[in-house]
Amino acid sequence: MPAADGGEWLHRRRRLKSLKSLSTGVDRVCLGFGTPQQRAIEHMTVAEARCYAAIGHFATGSMLPKIEAAIDFLEAGGREVITDPEHLGLALLGAAGTHITLAGASGASCVAA
């Protein structure tokens, strides 16, 4: 590795170390999963994830444990993405999966299914 690239390599390594990827059977987390109103979520905040969970968007034995683990990891200072194995590479680049953040504008609104 050239010395000029050392700082960038270290920065990428630190970013990946703080990233948690939860693998699932779908590319993105969906609201209304399995219904005609199903829609994939590209980004949501922790507050939105909690709201969606509270109103029943995530099944107890399916997506809910992943959402809860994501929230715990984020609150401990990490970054989070949920995706399927086929899209992991793109998800790490921000081009696939559902990205959950502590705050920020996601464009989503928490509504019942």
Protein backbone atom coordinates (compact mmCIF):
# COMPACT_ATOMS: atom_id res chain seq x y z
CA MET A 1 0.00 0.00 0.00
CA PRO A 2 1.50 3.35 -1.00
CA ALA A 3 2.11 5.76 1.87
CA ALA A 4 -0.09 8.40 0.21
CA ASP A 5 -3.09 6.06 0.52
CA GLY A 6 -2.50 5.21 4.19
CA GLY A 7 -4.77 7.90 5.64
CA GLU A 8 -7.64 7.07 3.30
CA TRP A 9 -7.25 3.32 3.98
CA LEU A 10 -7.32 3.91 7.74
CA HIS A 11 -10.41 6.12 7.43
CA ARG A 12 -12.23 3.43 5.40
CA ARG A 13 -11.22 0.76 7.88
CA ARG A 14 -12.59 2.78 10.80
CA ARG A 15 -15.85 3.42 8.93
CA LEU A 16 -16.31 -0.28 8.15
CA LYS A 17 -15.48 -1.26 11.73
CA SER A 18 -18.37 0.90 12.94
CA LEU A 19 -20.76 -0.50 10.30
CA LYS A 20 -23.11 -3.34 11.07
CA SER A 21 -24.87 -5.15 8.28
CA LEU A 22 -27.87 -7.30 9.14
CA SER A 23 -28.56 -9.88 6.47
CA THR A 24 -32.13 -10.75 5.64
CA GLY A 25 -34.15 -12.27 2.81
CA VAL A 26 -35.06 -8.97 1.17
CA ASP A 27 -33.06 -6.10 -0.31
CA ARG A 28 -34.78 -3.49 1.87
CA VAL A 29 -36.99 -3.32 4.93
CA CYS A 30 -40.62 -3.06 3.86
CA LEU A 31 -43.64 -1.46 5.45
CA GLY A 32 -46.87 -3.38 4.99
CA PHE A 33 -44.84 -6.47 4.06
CA GLY A 34 -46.88 -9.00 2.09
CA THR A 35 -49.78 -6.62 1.50
CA PRO A 36 -50.82 -4.67 -1.62
CA GLN A 37 -49.54 -1.54 0.19
CA GLN A 38 -46.02 -2.96 0.65
CA ARG A 39 -43.28 -0.39 0.11
CA ALA A 40 -39.54 -0.61 0.52
CA ILE A 41 -37.76 1.85 2.81
CA GLU A 42 -34.37 3.16 1.67
CA HIS A 43 -33.68 5.25 4.78
CA MET A 44 -35.31 5.76 8.15
CA THR A 45 -34.33 7.30 11.42
CA VAL A 46 -34.31 5.52 14.77
CA ALA A 47 -37.42 7.47 15.76
CA GLU A 48 -39.22 6.31 12.61
CA ALA A 49 -38.06 2.72 13.13
CA ARG A 50 -39.42 2.79 16.69
CA CYS A 51 -42.71 4.26 15.48
CA TYR A 52 -43.09 1.68 12.69
CA ALA A 53 -42.33 -1.09 15.20
CA ALA A 54 -44.85 0.26 17.71
CA ILE A 55 -47.67 0.26 15.16
CA GLY A 56 -46.90 -3.27 14.02
CA HIS A 57 -45.02 -2.93 10.73
CA PHE A 58 -42.33 -5.46 11.74
CA ALA A 59 -43.13 -9.07 12.63
CA THR A 60 -41.88 -10.31 16.00
CA GLY A 61 -40.10 -13.38 14.62
CA SER A 62 -38.87 -11.71 11.46
CA MET A 63 -37.84 -8.07 10.94
CA LEU A 64 -38.50 -6.73 14.46
CA PRO A 65 -35.39 -8.33 16.06
CA LYS A 66 -33.23 -6.88 13.25
CA ILE A 67 -34.70 -3.41 13.77
CA GLU A 68 -34.15 -3.64 17.54
CA ALA A 69 -30.53 -4.78 17.03
CA ALA A 70 -29.96 -1.94 14.56
CA ILE A 71 -31.25 0.63 17.05
CA ASP A 72 -29.03 -0.75 19.83
CA PHE A 73 -25.95 -0.67 17.58
CA LEU A 74 -26.67 2.87 16.38
CA GLU A 75 -27.14 4.15 19.90
CA ALA A 76 -23.73 2.68 20.77
CA GLY A 77 -22.15 4.80 18.03
CA GLY A 78 -22.24 2.56 14.94
CA ARG A 79 -23.74 2.78 11.45
CA GLU A 80 -26.40 0.37 10.27
CA VAL A 81 -27.73 -1.19 7.05
CA ILE A 82 -30.19 -4.03 6.54
CA THR A 83 -30.11 -5.91 3.22
CA ASP A 84 -29.90 -9.33 1.61
CA PRO A 85 -26.57 -11.05 0.80
CA GLU A 86 -26.85 -10.31 -2.93
CA HIS A 87 -26.96 -6.54 -2.33
CA LEU A 88 -24.40 -6.28 0.48
CA GLY A 89 -21.66 -4.75 -1.69
CA LEU A 90 -24.00 -2.08 -3.04
CA ALA A 91 -25.41 -1.50 0.45
CA LEU A 92 -21.93 -0.77 1.82
CA LEU A 93 -21.66 1.91 -0.88
CA GLY A 94 -25.06 3.34 0.06
CA ALA A 95 -26.74 2.16 -3.16
CA ALA A 96 -28.95 -0.62 -1.72
CA GLY A 97 -30.48 -1.79 1.52
CA THR A 98 -32.27 0.12 4.24
CA HIS A 99 -30.01 2.58 6.05
CA ILE A 100 -31.01 3.56 9.57
CA THR A 101 -29.62 6.69 11.19
CA LEU A 102 -29.96 8.35 14.59
CA ALA A 103 -31.42 11.52 13.10
CA GLY A 104 -31.81 13.38 9.86
CA ALA A 105 -34.40 13.81 7.17
CA SER A 106 -35.44 10.51 5.65
CA GLY A 107 -38.48 11.73 3.79
CA ALA A 108 -40.53 8.95 5.41
CA SER A 109 -43.47 9.42 7.72
CA CYS A 110 -44.64 6.96 10.32
CA VAL A 111 -48.15 5.82 9.44
CA ALA A 112 -50.20 2.73 10.16
CA ALA A 113 -50.37 -0.02 7.55
